[in-house]
Amino acid sequence: MDEEDLGSVSGGRRILRFALPSMLSMLFISSYTIVDGLFVANWLGSDSLAALNLTVPAFNILGAVAFMFSAGGSAFVANLMGRGRREDAASAFSQMVLTVFLISLVVAAVALVFADGIVELLGADETLKPLALEYWNVLVPFIPIIMMQFLVMGFLIVLRKPHVALIASVSNGCLNMLLDWAFMDLLEWGMAGASLASGLGSTTALLIASTVVFSRRSELPLRICRIRSSVILPTCTNGASEMASNLSGAITTFLFNIMMMRYVGPDGVSAITVMMYVEFLSLAAILGYSSGVAPIMSYDHGADDRERMAGLFGFSLRFVMVLSLAVFLLVEVFADQIVGLFVSGNETATEMAVFGARVYAVAFLFMGLNVYASSLFTSLSNGVLSAAISGVRSLLLLAPLIVILPMAFGVDAIWFAVPVTEVATFVLTMVALRRNASRYGYAHPSARFGNTM
């Protein structure tokens, strides 16, 4: 593929071909993450699954920081490339790599020193704390690798190598699942084996991605650089929505865990964990599509090609809406079978999770467009609006509802928190899309949406 590929991707089939590796990559990441949970649940038990989920918010925070630099940075760099400023783009990329690496070292050190206190803060009781610490202490040393992996995967798309991201993700997943089996089943290493498998899988993915991103022939060669606020601040601002989305995911998962531990105990955490996995897999294709087409939108925005922006936007709306409907129907029809994969031996957790799945599924009708809109405004360098959409659908609405609904109406009401939040956010999203259409040109009147397929 030549230098102009980002500026020549148009039409539904070409858009899907370009975004497909990113979509498959996200689906595969989701799949092996869920398989990880399946192995833990079936080989180590529901308490181990609950302990694993208790550590998730902390690692989501790390992912939030890495995704902020990945999404905001890739949009920043793609925009520079679209304007022909390739030296500036390479310098900006080098600053982002250095910044994320330094942050990851500090975070890993703090996480190791204060491991006991952090696990207790995450909600672990006397039963779950030893299991959570076993997982935590092995995975924390891999934090620099995990954060760097998140960063460079986003730039593979900017470098027009989405297939390498897919190869890295598939390799990560296959190795992770193989090592899960070897460490937990054959060697009986328990939670330590599960975390070691995850760490080694991420290491493999980073090594594969590095062969392209850090190659001497890369379009973004590493430079000896100083970290400049003129690069890092716009990157952080632009990627704030992705950070807000992942950070809110950490906070809401934490609140779900705390409330379930208060009202139900470890069985409640196991039930909510199942729904976290369902949401993760359900959104994978939309997240993958959104991240896959974001550099195209950023490039076209930098080149001020409004007709192509409009064509991409129109096709994306239809694609996301069809996919959202499919996910809703799938979860509603197969809720029992999905839940049974994880907690078939635990009647209390099974009943809660099946009821929750059918309520939660309504959110998928609206969640997809909300997620795509947030990614769209990030690609247009409007991190503030993108963060506003993410913030409303998470911290401002969802977090309070998780706490208030079970207190007011009983623990079953907690499942309505996500659907109510997504419907309210959908209204905001539609207003934001309409009011900014003419400003950015993604609804340019000359676009022929009907011919995008």
Protein backbone atom coordinates (compact mmCIF):
# COMPACT_ATOMS: atom_id res chain seq x y z
CA MET A 1 0.00 0.00 0.00
CA ASP A 2 1.40 3.43 -0.88
CA GLU A 3 1.45 6.75 0.94
CA GLU A 4 -1.92 7.82 -0.36
CA ASP A 5 -3.91 4.86 0.91
CA LEU A 6 -5.49 6.71 3.84
CA GLY A 7 -6.64 9.31 1.35
CA SER A 8 -8.10 6.80 -1.09
CA VAL A 9 -10.20 4.52 1.10
CA SER A 10 -13.85 5.12 0.14
CA GLY A 11 -16.98 3.11 -0.63
CA GLY A 12 -18.52 0.61 1.73
CA ARG A 13 -16.57 -2.45 0.61
CA ARG A 14 -13.19 -0.69 0.71
CA ILE A 15 -13.99 0.85 4.09
CA LEU A 16 -14.88 -2.56 5.50
CA ARG A 17 -11.77 -4.16 3.99
CA PHE A 18 -9.63 -1.49 5.61
CA ALA A 19 -11.40 -1.72 8.98
CA LEU A 20 -11.76 -5.52 8.98
CA PRO A 21 -8.33 -6.31 10.49
CA SER A 22 -9.01 -3.90 13.36
CA MET A 23 -12.45 -5.42 13.90
CA LEU A 24 -11.11 -8.97 13.86
CA SER A 25 -8.30 -7.92 16.16
CA MET A 26 -10.75 -6.52 18.72
CA LEU A 27 -12.99 -9.57 18.39
CA PHE A 28 -10.04 -11.84 18.95
CA ILE A 29 -8.84 -9.81 21.93
CA SER A 30 -12.34 -10.06 23.38
CA SER A 31 -12.53 -13.76 22.63
CA TYR A 32 -9.31 -14.73 24.33
CA THR A 33 -10.09 -12.44 27.28
CA ILE A 34 -13.38 -14.28 27.67
CA VAL A 35 -11.67 -17.65 27.22
CA ASP A 36 -9.29 -16.55 29.98
CA GLY A 37 -12.33 -16.03 32.20
CA LEU A 38 -13.80 -19.36 31.11
CA PHE A 39 -10.60 -21.18 32.08
CA VAL A 40 -10.48 -19.46 35.46
CA ALA A 41 -14.17 -20.14 36.16
CA ASN A 42 -14.09 -23.78 35.12
CA TRP A 43 -10.66 -24.79 36.45
CA LEU A 44 -10.32 -22.58 39.53
CA GLY A 45 -13.95 -21.82 40.46
CA SER A 46 -16.35 -18.89 40.74
CA ASP A 47 -14.40 -17.30 43.62
CA SER A 48 -11.32 -17.09 41.40
CA LEU A 49 -13.45 -15.54 38.63
CA ALA A 50 -14.72 -12.95 41.12
CA ALA A 51 -11.16 -12.26 42.35
CA LEU A 52 -10.01 -11.78 38.76
CA ASN A 53 -12.78 -9.26 38.16
CA LEU A 54 -11.86 -7.33 41.29
CA THR A 55 -8.46 -6.51 39.75
CA VAL A 56 -9.99 -5.39 36.45
CA PRO A 57 -10.66 -1.74 37.45
CA ALA A 58 -6.99 -1.14 38.26
CA PHE A 59 -5.81 -2.53 34.94
CA ASN A 60 -8.56 -0.61 33.15
CA ILE A 61 -7.05 2.59 34.52
CA LEU A 62 -3.73 1.68 32.93
CA GLY A 63 -5.52 0.88 29.71
CA ALA A 64 -7.25 4.25 29.92
CA VAL A 65 -3.93 6.10 29.95
CA ALA A 66 -2.50 3.99 27.13
CA PHE A 67 -5.62 4.33 24.97
CA MET A 68 -5.61 8.09 25.52
CA PHE A 69 -2.18 8.29 23.91
CA SER A 70 -3.03 5.68 21.28
CA ALA A 71 -6.32 7.26 20.11
CA GLY A 72 -5.40 10.90 20.67
CA GLY A 73 -1.87 10.39 19.38
CA SER A 74 -2.83 8.46 16.27
CA ALA A 75 -5.39 11.13 15.34
CA PHE A 76 -2.81 13.87 16.00
CA VAL A 77 -0.15 12.13 13.92
CA ALA A 78 -2.53 11.14 11.09
CA ASN A 79 -3.67 14.75 10.84
CA LEU A 80 -0.05 15.91 10.53
CA MET A 81 0.58 13.29 7.84
CA GLY A 82 -2.55 14.42 5.98
CA ARG A 83 -1.05 17.93 5.88
CA GLY A 84 2.30 16.60 4.63
CA ARG A 85 4.21 17.32 7.89
CA ARG A 86 5.86 13.91 8.21
CA GLU A 87 8.92 15.01 10.19
CA ASP A 88 6.68 16.62 12.79
CA ALA A 89 4.59 13.45 12.85
CA ALA A 90 7.66 11.28 13.56
CA SER A 91 8.81 13.61 16.33
CA ALA A 92 5.36 13.59 17.94
CA PHE A 93 5.24 9.80 17.86
CA SER A 94 8.64 9.54 19.59
CA GLN A 95 7.47 11.86 22.36
CA MET A 96 4.38 9.74 22.93
CA VAL A 97 6.42 6.53 23.17
CA LEU A 98 8.79 8.07 25.73
CA THR A 99 5.95 9.53 27.79
CA VAL A 100 3.97 6.28 28.01
CA PHE A 101 7.10 4.28 28.87
CA LEU A 102 8.03 6.59 31.75
CA ILE A 103 4.47 6.57 33.10
CA SER A 104 4.34 2.77 32.96
CA LEU A 105 7.54 2.38 34.98
CA VAL A 106 6.26 4.63 37.77
CA VAL A 107 2.86 2.92 37.86
CA ALA A 108 4.36 -0.58 38.00
CA ALA A 109 6.61 0.38 40.92
CA VAL A 110 3.73 1.90 42.89
CA ALA A 111 1.45 -1.07 42.15
CA LEU A 112 4.01 -3.53 43.53
CA VAL A 113 4.81 -1.57 46.67
CA PHE A 114 1.18 -0.98 47.65
CA ALA A 115 -0.31 -4.25 46.36
CA ASP A 116 -2.05 -5.25 49.61
CA GLY A 117 -3.74 -1.91 50.11
CA ILE A 118 -4.83 -1.63 46.48
CA VAL A 119 -6.44 -5.08 46.44
CA GLU A 120 -8.33 -4.31 49.65
CA LEU A 121 -9.47 -0.99 48.21
CA LEU A 122 -10.79 -2.85 45.16
CA GLY A 123 -13.18 -4.73 47.44
CA ALA A 124 -11.46 -8.05 48.18
CA ASP A 125 -12.61 -9.76 51.38
CA GLU A 126 -10.78 -12.47 53.32
CA THR A 127 -11.87 -15.10 50.79
CA LEU A 128 -10.94 -13.23 47.61
CA LYS A 129 -7.85 -11.28 48.75
CA PRO A 130 -5.29 -14.14 48.50
CA LEU A 131 -6.56 -15.04 45.04
CA ALA A 132 -6.51 -11.43 43.85
CA LEU A 133 -2.99 -10.85 45.20
CA GLU A 134 -1.73 -14.00 43.52
CA TYR A 135 -2.97 -12.68 40.17
CA TRP A 136 -1.86 -9.10 40.85
CA ASN A 137 1.75 -9.70 41.89
CA VAL A 138 2.57 -11.70 38.78
CA LEU A 139 0.91 -9.42 36.21
CA VAL A 140 2.06 -6.03 37.57
CA PRO A 141 5.69 -6.39 36.33
CA PHE A 142 4.26 -6.67 32.80
CA ILE A 143 2.59 -3.23 33.05
CA PRO A 144 5.19 -1.41 30.87
CA ILE A 145 4.81 -4.08 28.19
CA ILE A 146 1.01 -3.99 28.33
CA MET A 147 0.83 -0.19 28.08
CA MET A 148 3.32 -0.05 25.23
CA GLN A 149 1.36 -2.75 23.42
CA PHE A 150 -1.83 -0.67 23.65
CA LEU A 151 0.02 2.37 22.31
CA VAL A 152 1.72 0.84 19.28
CA MET A 153 -1.34 -1.13 18.13
CA GLY A 154 -3.14 2.13 17.41
CA PHE A 155 -0.25 3.40 15.29
CA LEU A 156 -0.20 0.26 13.15
CA ILE A 157 -3.43 1.56 11.60
CA VAL A 158 -1.89 4.97 10.93
CA LEU A 159 1.01 3.18 9.23
CA ARG A 160 -1.52 1.29 7.08
CA LYS A 161 -0.59 -2.06 8.64
CA PRO A 162 -3.86 -3.12 10.30
CA HIS A 163 -3.14 -6.72 9.29
CA VAL A 164 -0.06 -6.69 11.53
CA ALA A 165 -2.27 -5.64 14.44
CA LEU A 166 -4.49 -8.62 13.64
CA ILE A 167 -1.50 -10.99 13.51
CA ALA A 168 -0.23 -9.63 16.83
CA SER A 169 -3.65 -10.02 18.46
CA VAL A 170 -4.16 -13.54 17.14
CA SER A 171 -0.67 -14.55 18.30
CA ASN A 172 -1.33 -12.99 21.69
CA GLY A 173 -4.62 -14.82 22.06
CA CYS A 174 -3.41 -18.21 20.87
CA LEU A 175 -0.37 -18.13 23.15
CA ASN A 176 -2.47 -16.86 26.06
CA MET A 177 -4.99 -19.67 25.71
CA LEU A 178 -2.30 -22.31 25.27
CA LEU A 179 -0.43 -21.08 28.34
CA ASP A 180 -3.68 -20.86 30.33
CA TRP A 181 -4.19 -24.56 29.70
CA ALA A 182 -0.57 -25.41 30.47
CA PHE A 183 -0.20 -23.26 33.58
CA MET A 184 -3.64 -23.75 35.17
CA ASP A 185 -4.51 -27.30 34.13
CA LEU A 186 -1.24 -29.17 33.63
CA LEU A 187 1.04 -27.35 36.08
CA GLU A 188 -1.75 -26.25 38.47
CA TRP A 189 -0.23 -22.81 39.06
CA GLY A 190 -3.63 -21.30 39.82
CA MET A 191 -4.17 -17.54 39.51
CA ALA A 192 -0.45 -16.95 39.10
CA GLY A 193 -0.54 -19.11 35.99
CA ALA A 194 -3.46 -17.14 34.57
CA SER A 195 -1.69 -13.81 35.02
CA LEU A 196 1.64 -15.12 33.69
CA ALA A 197 -0.12 -16.37 30.57
CA SER A 198 -1.66 -12.92 30.03
CA GLY A 199 1.68 -11.17 30.52
CA LEU A 200 3.54 -13.42 28.10
CA GLY A 201 0.77 -13.05 25.52
CA SER A 202 1.04 -9.25 25.66
CA THR A 203 4.82 -9.51 25.32
CA THR A 204 4.39 -11.53 22.14
CA ALA A 205 1.96 -8.98 20.67
CA LEU A 206 4.32 -6.09 21.43
CA LEU A 207 7.27 -7.87 19.82
CA ILE A 208 5.30 -8.51 16.63
CA ALA A 209 3.97 -4.94 16.44
CA SER A 210 7.43 -3.55 17.10
CA THR A 211 8.81 -5.14 13.94
CA VAL A 212 6.76 -2.57 12.01
CA VAL A 213 6.31 0.41 14.31
CA PHE A 214 9.93 0.57 15.47
CA SER A 215 11.46 -0.55 12.18
CA ARG A 216 14.19 1.60 10.64
CA ARG A 217 12.03 1.81 7.52
CA SER A 218 8.98 3.02 9.44
CA GLU A 219 7.31 6.23 8.29
CA LEU A 220 7.45 7.27 11.95
CA PRO A 221 11.07 6.54 12.90
CA LEU A 222 12.00 7.10 16.53
CA ARG A 223 13.86 10.33 17.21
CA ILE A 224 15.94 11.53 20.14
CA CYS A 225 13.49 14.03 21.53
CA ARG A 226 12.34 16.19 24.38
CA ILE A 227 8.79 15.83 25.63
CA ARG A 228 6.97 18.99 24.59
CA SER A 229 3.66 20.20 25.95
CA SER A 230 2.68 21.40 22.46
CA VAL A 231 2.46 17.74 21.44
CA ILE A 232 1.49 15.92 24.63
CA LEU A 233 -1.28 18.27 25.79
CA PRO A 234 -3.24 18.19 22.49
CA THR A 235 -2.75 14.41 22.39
CA CYS A 236 -4.14 14.02 25.90
CA THR A 237 -7.00 16.42 25.24
CA ASN A 238 -7.92 14.70 22.01
CA GLY A 239 -7.67 11.25 23.55
CA ALA A 240 -9.51 12.29 26.69
CA SER A 241 -12.70 10.57 25.55
CA GLU A 242 -10.93 7.21 25.21
CA MET A 243 -9.37 7.74 28.62
CA ALA A 244 -12.73 8.76 30.05
CA SER A 245 -14.37 5.71 28.50
CA ASN A 246 -11.81 3.28 29.92
CA LEU A 247 -11.49 5.15 33.20
CA SER A 248 -15.23 5.16 33.61
CA GLY A 249 -15.19 1.46 32.82
CA ALA A 250 -12.79 1.01 35.72
CA ILE A 251 -14.92 3.08 38.06
CA THR A 252 -18.21 1.46 37.09
CA THR A 253 -16.73 -2.04 37.32
CA PHE A 254 -15.42 -1.10 40.76
CA LEU A 255 -18.86 0.17 41.82
CA PHE A 256 -20.61 -2.90 40.40
CA ASN A 257 -18.20 -5.11 42.36
CA ILE A 258 -18.62 -3.15 45.59
CA MET A 259 -22.42 -3.11 45.38
CA MET A 260 -22.62 -6.81 44.52
CA MET A 261 -20.27 -7.69 47.38
CA ARG A 262 -22.46 -5.64 49.72
CA TYR A 263 -25.82 -7.08 48.67
CA VAL A 264 -24.98 -10.58 47.42
CA GLY A 265 -21.32 -11.47 47.98
CA PRO A 266 -18.90 -13.26 45.61
CA ASP A 267 -21.81 -14.81 43.68
CA GLY A 268 -22.99 -11.32 42.73
CA VAL A 269 -19.52 -10.40 41.50
CA SER A 270 -19.45 -13.59 39.42
CA ALA A 271 -22.81 -12.65 37.86
CA ILE A 272 -21.71 -9.13 36.98
CA THR A 273 -18.45 -10.51 35.60
CA VAL A 274 -20.41 -12.54 33.07
CA MET A 275 -22.15 -9.39 31.85
CA MET A 276 -18.83 -7.56 31.61
CA TYR A 277 -17.61 -10.29 29.29
CA VAL A 278 -20.80 -10.16 27.22
CA GLU A 279 -20.50 -6.38 26.82
CA PHE A 280 -16.80 -6.65 26.00
CA LEU A 281 -17.46 -9.13 23.19
CA SER A 282 -20.58 -7.34 21.96
CA LEU A 283 -18.83 -4.01 21.59
CA ALA A 284 -15.64 -5.48 20.15
CA ALA A 285 -16.69 -5.23 16.50
CA ILE A 286 -17.94 -1.64 16.92
CA LEU A 287 -14.83 -0.56 18.80
CA GLY A 288 -12.66 -2.26 16.19
CA TYR A 289 -14.55 -0.64 13.33
CA SER A 290 -14.43 2.79 14.98
CA SER A 291 -10.69 2.63 15.62
CA GLY A 292 -10.13 1.20 12.14
CA VAL A 293 -11.82 4.05 10.28
CA ALA A 294 -10.73 6.86 12.64
CA PRO A 295 -7.39 7.50 10.86
CA ILE A 296 -9.25 7.75 7.53
CA MET A 297 -11.55 10.41 8.95
CA SER A 298 -8.58 12.23 10.54
CA TYR A 299 -6.68 12.16 7.25
CA ASP A 300 -9.67 13.42 5.24
CA HIS A 301 -10.30 16.10 7.86
CA GLY A 302 -6.67 17.25 7.56
CA ALA A 303 -7.05 17.29 3.77
CA ASP A 304 -10.45 19.07 4.07
CA ASP A 305 -12.14 16.48 1.82
CA ARG A 306 -15.70 16.86 3.08
CA GLU A 307 -17.35 14.71 0.46
CA ARG A 308 -15.29 11.67 1.43
CA MET A 309 -15.86 12.43 5.12
CA ALA A 310 -19.61 12.43 4.49
CA GLY A 311 -19.48 9.14 2.62
CA LEU A 312 -17.55 7.49 5.45
CA PHE A 313 -19.90 8.90 8.07
CA GLY A 314 -23.06 7.77 6.28
CA PHE A 315 -21.81 4.24 5.78
CA SER A 316 -20.60 4.05 9.38
CA LEU A 317 -24.01 5.02 10.78
CA ARG A 318 -25.76 2.25 8.90
CA PHE A 319 -23.13 -0.34 9.74
CA VAL A 320 -23.16 0.44 13.47
CA MET A 321 -26.96 0.42 13.69
CA VAL A 322 -27.29 -2.96 11.95
CA LEU A 323 -24.57 -4.45 14.12
CA SER A 324 -26.18 -3.08 17.30
CA LEU A 325 -29.53 -4.66 16.43
CA ALA A 326 -27.85 -8.01 15.75
CA VAL A 327 -26.09 -7.97 19.13
CA PHE A 328 -29.33 -7.13 20.95
CA LEU A 329 -31.18 -10.04 19.36
CA LEU A 330 -28.30 -12.43 19.99
CA VAL A 331 -28.10 -11.67 23.71
CA GLU A 332 -31.88 -11.75 24.19
CA VAL A 333 -32.29 -15.11 22.46
CA PHE A 334 -29.22 -16.90 23.83
CA ALA A 335 -28.92 -15.41 27.33
CA ASP A 336 -29.21 -18.80 29.07
CA GLN A 337 -26.55 -20.40 26.91
CA ILE A 338 -24.14 -17.47 27.26
CA VAL A 339 -24.42 -17.38 31.04
CA GLY A 340 -24.17 -21.16 31.27
CA LEU A 341 -20.67 -21.07 29.80
CA PHE A 342 -19.38 -19.32 32.93
CA VAL A 343 -21.50 -20.15 35.96
CA SER A 344 -23.44 -23.32 35.16
CA GLY A 345 -22.62 -24.83 38.55
CA ASN A 346 -23.76 -21.83 40.60
CA GLU A 347 -27.56 -21.46 40.68
CA THR A 348 -27.64 -18.07 42.42
CA ALA A 349 -25.13 -16.47 40.05
CA THR A 350 -26.80 -18.10 37.03
CA GLU A 351 -30.28 -16.74 37.83
CA MET A 352 -28.93 -13.26 38.46
CA ALA A 353 -26.83 -13.23 35.28
CA VAL A 354 -29.62 -14.48 32.99
CA PHE A 355 -32.06 -11.87 34.30
CA GLY A 356 -29.37 -9.21 34.01
CA ALA A 357 -28.44 -10.21 30.46
CA ARG A 358 -31.97 -9.73 29.15
CA VAL A 359 -32.30 -6.32 30.80
CA TYR A 360 -28.78 -5.27 29.88
CA ALA A 361 -29.28 -6.23 26.22
CA VAL A 362 -31.53 -3.22 25.62
CA ALA A 363 -28.48 -1.01 26.11
CA PHE A 364 -26.80 -2.52 23.03
CA LEU A 365 -29.40 -0.90 20.77
CA PHE A 366 -28.02 2.54 21.71
CA MET A 367 -24.50 1.84 22.95
CA GLY A 368 -22.99 1.26 19.50
CA LEU A 369 -23.84 4.69 18.10
CA ASN A 370 -22.72 6.36 21.31
CA VAL A 371 -19.32 4.64 21.11
CA TYR A 372 -18.91 5.44 17.39
CA ALA A 373 -19.82 9.11 17.89
CA SER A 374 -17.24 9.47 20.63
CA SER A 375 -14.59 7.95 18.35
CA LEU A 376 -15.72 10.17 15.47
CA PHE A 377 -15.17 13.40 17.40
CA THR A 378 -11.77 12.14 18.57
CA SER A 379 -10.79 11.58 14.93
CA LEU A 380 -11.91 15.16 14.22
CA SER A 381 -9.64 16.42 17.04
CA ASN A 382 -12.59 17.46 19.19
CA GLY A 383 -11.53 15.64 22.33
CA VAL A 384 -13.74 17.81 24.54
CA LEU A 385 -17.00 16.78 22.86
CA SER A 386 -15.83 13.19 22.59
CA ALA A 387 -15.01 13.15 26.30
CA ALA A 388 -18.39 14.73 27.10
CA ILE A 389 -20.23 11.86 25.39
CA SER A 390 -18.06 9.29 27.16
CA GLY A 391 -18.39 11.10 30.46
CA VAL A 392 -22.17 11.31 30.35
CA ARG A 393 -22.53 7.61 29.49
CA SER A 394 -20.29 6.63 32.35
CA LEU A 395 -19.37 8.83 35.27
CA LEU A 396 -22.17 11.39 35.23
CA LEU A 397 -25.07 8.95 34.82
CA LEU A 398 -23.99 5.34 35.15
CA ALA A 399 -21.92 5.59 38.32
CA PRO A 400 -24.67 7.26 40.40
CA LEU A 401 -27.32 4.88 39.05
CA ILE A 402 -25.27 1.82 40.05
CA VAL A 403 -25.33 3.07 43.63
CA ILE A 404 -28.83 4.57 43.80
CA LEU A 405 -30.98 1.96 42.00
CA PRO A 406 -30.23 -1.05 44.27
CA MET A 407 -30.56 1.13 47.36
CA ALA A 408 -33.98 2.36 46.24
CA PHE A 409 -35.47 -0.66 44.47
CA GLY A 410 -33.41 -3.71 45.44
CA VAL A 411 -30.39 -5.42 43.95
CA ASP A 412 -32.16 -6.51 40.73
CA ALA A 413 -32.58 -2.84 39.78
CA ILE A 414 -28.83 -2.52 39.31
CA TRP A 415 -29.19 -4.16 35.90
CA PHE A 416 -31.27 -1.22 34.63
CA ALA A 417 -28.43 1.27 35.23
CA VAL A 418 -26.70 0.64 31.88
CA PRO A 419 -29.82 0.72 29.62
CA VAL A 420 -31.09 3.95 31.22
CA THR A 421 -27.67 5.54 30.81
CA GLU A 422 -27.27 4.55 27.16
CA VAL A 423 -30.73 5.84 26.20
CA ALA A 424 -30.01 9.21 27.82
CA THR A 425 -26.58 9.40 26.17
CA PHE A 426 -28.13 8.52 22.80
CA VAL A 427 -30.21 11.71 22.97
CA LEU A 428 -27.07 13.77 23.64
CA THR A 429 -25.22 11.97 20.84
CA MET A 430 -27.89 12.74 18.27
CA VAL A 431 -27.91 16.42 19.25
CA ALA A 432 -24.10 16.60 19.03
CA LEU A 433 -23.99 14.89 15.63
CA ARG A 434 -26.65 17.19 14.19
CA ARG A 435 -25.19 20.44 15.55
CA ASN A 436 -21.65 19.69 14.36
CA ALA A 437 -22.46 18.24 10.94
CA SER A 438 -21.97 21.45 8.98
CA ARG A 439 -18.98 22.53 11.06
CA TYR A 440 -16.92 19.46 10.19
CA GLY A 441 -18.59 18.53 6.91
CA TYR A 442 -19.33 14.87 7.61
CA ALA A 443 -22.88 15.47 6.33
CA HIS A 444 -21.79 17.21 3.12
CA PRO A 445 -24.84 17.39 0.80
CA SER A 446 -22.95 16.15 -2.28
CA ALA A 447 -22.22 12.75 -0.68
CA ARG A 448 -24.18 9.85 -2.15
CA PHE A 449 -24.83 7.71 0.91
CA GLY A 450 -26.99 5.32 -1.03
CA ASN A 451 -24.00 4.38 -3.21
CA THR A 452 -21.54 3.72 -0.40
CA MET A 453 -22.07 -0.02 -0.63
